[in-house]
Protein backbone atom coordinates (compact mmCIF):
# COMPACT_ATOMS: atom_id res chain seq x y z
CA MET A 1 -11.43 17.07 4.44
CA LYS A 2 -9.10 14.19 5.76
CA LYS A 3 -9.54 10.72 4.04
CA GLN A 4 -9.23 7.27 5.96
CA LEU A 5 -8.88 3.92 4.84
CA LEU A 6 -11.08 1.77 6.92
CA PHE A 7 -10.46 -1.96 7.05
CA LEU A 8 -13.13 -4.40 8.01
CA VAL A 9 -12.65 -8.07 8.50
CA LEU A 10 -16.05 -9.51 8.72
CA ASN A 11 -16.37 -13.01 10.05
CA LYS A 12 -20.26 -12.97 10.21
CA ILE A 13 -20.63 -12.96 6.52
CA SER A 14 -24.39 -13.54 6.59
CA VAL A 15 -24.67 -9.84 7.17
CA LEU A 16 -22.63 -8.80 4.11
CA ASN A 17 -25.36 -7.62 1.62
CA LYS A 18 -27.28 -5.89 4.32
CA LEU A 19 -24.13 -4.23 5.62
CA LEU A 20 -23.28 -2.88 2.07
CA MET A 21 -26.86 -1.59 1.60
CA ASN A 22 -26.90 0.14 4.73
CA LEU A 23 -23.50 1.78 4.06
CA ASN A 24 -24.76 2.99 0.76
CA GLU A 25 -27.99 4.45 2.15
CA ASN A 26 -25.90 6.37 4.80
CA GLY A 27 -23.60 7.95 2.15
CA ILE A 28 -20.68 5.36 2.03
CA LYS A 29 -21.03 4.78 -1.89
CA GLY A 30 -18.05 2.55 -2.43
CA ALA A 31 -16.14 -0.51 -0.97
CA THR A 32 -13.82 -3.25 -2.11
CA VAL A 33 -14.94 -6.80 -0.63
CA ILE A 34 -12.13 -9.17 -0.86
CA ASN A 35 -12.33 -13.02 0.12
CA SER A 36 -10.28 -13.64 3.03
CA ALA A 37 -9.39 -16.28 5.63
CA GLY A 38 -8.06 -15.92 9.24
CA MET A 39 -5.14 -17.58 10.47
CA ALA A 40 -6.75 -19.67 13.02
CA GLY A 41 -9.33 -21.29 10.66
CA THR A 42 -6.59 -21.77 8.04
CA LEU A 43 -4.29 -23.68 10.50
CA ALA A 44 -7.20 -25.83 11.90
CA SER A 45 -8.27 -26.84 8.37
CA ALA A 46 -4.80 -27.53 7.09
CA GLU A 47 -4.27 -29.95 10.06
CA GLU A 48 -7.67 -31.64 9.39
CA GLU A 49 -5.93 -34.78 7.76
CA MET A 50 -4.21 -35.40 11.11
CA SER A 51 -6.24 -37.67 13.56
CA PHE A 52 -5.18 -35.59 16.52
CA SER A 53 -4.55 -31.92 15.74
CA PRO A 54 -4.10 -29.38 18.49
CA PHE A 55 -5.09 -26.54 16.35
CA LYS A 56 -8.27 -28.34 15.22
CA MET A 57 -9.18 -28.89 18.93
CA MET A 58 -8.18 -25.28 20.02
CA PHE A 59 -10.07 -23.61 17.15
CA SER A 60 -13.05 -25.71 16.39
CA GLY A 61 -16.10 -23.62 15.46
CA ILE A 62 -13.90 -20.84 14.07
CA ALA A 63 -15.03 -19.77 10.66
CA GLU A 64 -12.42 -20.49 7.93
CA ASP A 65 -13.65 -17.73 5.47
CA ASN A 66 -14.34 -14.10 6.05
CA LYS A 67 -14.68 -11.02 4.02
CA THR A 68 -12.27 -8.19 4.17
CA ILE A 69 -13.90 -4.78 3.24
CA LEU A 70 -11.79 -1.67 2.35
CA MET A 71 -13.45 1.67 2.15
CA VAL A 72 -11.83 5.19 1.82
CA ILE A 73 -14.15 7.49 3.77
CA ASP A 74 -13.97 10.85 5.23
CA GLU A 75 -12.71 11.03 8.66
CA GLU A 76 -16.08 12.27 9.89
CA GLN A 77 -17.86 9.12 8.44
CA ILE A 78 -16.09 6.65 10.72
CA PRO A 79 -18.70 6.84 13.60
CA ILE A 80 -21.59 6.27 11.03
CA VAL A 81 -19.63 3.23 9.74
CA GLN A 82 -18.98 1.93 13.15
CA LYS A 83 -22.64 2.27 14.18
CA ILE A 84 -23.93 0.41 11.06
CA ILE A 85 -21.54 -2.40 11.60
CA VAL A 86 -22.18 -2.87 15.36
CA GLU A 87 -25.91 -2.77 14.68
CA LEU A 88 -25.68 -5.60 12.18
CA VAL A 89 -22.81 -7.69 13.55
CA GLY A 90 -23.26 -7.06 17.39
CA ASP A 91 -20.46 -6.46 19.92
CA LEU A 92 -17.31 -6.73 18.15
CA SER A 93 -15.44 -7.90 21.33
CA ASN A 94 -17.53 -11.14 20.77
CA PRO A 95 -15.84 -14.03 18.83
CA ASP A 96 -16.63 -14.63 15.17
CA THR A 97 -18.14 -11.15 14.46
CA ALA A 98 -15.64 -8.79 12.94
CA PHE A 99 -12.76 -6.33 13.64
CA MET A 100 -11.91 -2.93 12.09
CA PHE A 101 -9.43 -0.30 12.06
CA ALA A 102 -8.48 2.82 10.04
CA VAL A 103 -5.32 4.58 8.79
CA PRO A 104 -4.87 7.89 7.37
CA THR A 105 -4.48 8.12 3.65
CA THR A 106 -2.00 10.73 2.18
CA PHE A 107 -3.16 10.30 -1.36
CA VAL A 108 -6.30 8.97 -3.21
CA ASP A 109 -6.74 8.97 -6.92
CA GLY A 110 -9.36 7.25 -9.11
CA ILE A 111 -12.31 7.37 -7.09
CA THR A 112 -14.80 9.66 -8.90
CA CYS A 113 -17.37 9.75 -6.01
CA MET A 114 -14.68 11.48 -3.71
CA LYS A 115 -14.05 14.55 -5.87
């Protein structure tokens, strides 16, 4: 079975716990959650001290913090993960929701639930 490393950058962090529970209930038994921040939010907050900041004006309302979630999953599980994410987050083409992508893995070791 081919494995994929799925990256999910979750801006709508209010759904994080429900997302992880739903993934677990649907056979996705492991994920790594990393605190992260997007470029736009970081630039806007870095320029906050300035009285006039073009970044602050352009990116006002953008969440500064997000969560990056990494999952090594079977290729066949990708549609399940996508469905769960869209159900909780909504249309990913909307701003401040999430984005995801997957890359093939050539080697995985140390994940006991995958053997």
